[in-house]
Amino acid sequence: MSFRTSLTFQVLACGLLLGCAHSEPVTPVVTVQVTNAEAPVTMLGAGDVLEIRIYNEPELSGIHQIGSDGSVRLPLLGPIILQGLSPEDATEKITAGYNSEFLQNAQVSVFVKEFNSRKVYVLGQVKNPGPYPFDDKMTIIAAIAKAGGTTRLADPNRTVVTRDQEGNQTRLNAMVGDIGKGEAPDLSLMPGDIVFVPESLF
């Protein structure tokens, strides 16, 4: 089967166990065809590190970490809740705050330096398996590179990404070997994804 033009999501559903009188509800099996690897929208969370710049206002600019209460403390504005917002929405909220009282036509930029609230897990036949901070626009190739690359025992073309979306577990078969050679499109990851590189069968 060729994965050069598309990747197939295979949504896994746990079947009812035979002979069990008290089984849990299951999710129907759904197959979704994906023709490109669009980057998902990522929301900010506690622990994320932001660089907030206000044009021509260096004393108001700086690097801030979102606290456990979901807020950052900004000059003049004080605490402002950014948890649950996209970087774009956070920019709009900060801009509105400064424009409401302190500045005229504030030009605000928000850059995410570290997505500490979100992680991806790279496991299996990689040199340094474990959790890694999620970066904006992180792809499967970038995640495996963070883990030191694959080992000599790996079978990259049988790599599996497990994703949990609203209680539905999805497994994506990714031919990482072909992706690395430019023969298949790279795959954008989402926070919480588990990338598993299996051992070669031969």
Foldseek 3Di string as FASTA:
>chain_A
DDQLFWWKKWWDKDDFDPPDPDGDDIDDTDIDIGRAADFDFDAADAQWKKFKDKPPCVVFTDIFGQHNVQWTQTPPQGTDHRGGHTQVVVQVVVQCSCCVPPDPRIDMHMDTPWRPVFWEFEDEFAQAGGIDTDDGQDWPVNVSVVSVHGDPQWQQQQKWKWDADPNTIMIIRHGVVCVVVVSHPIHGDDGPIYIYTYGDPD
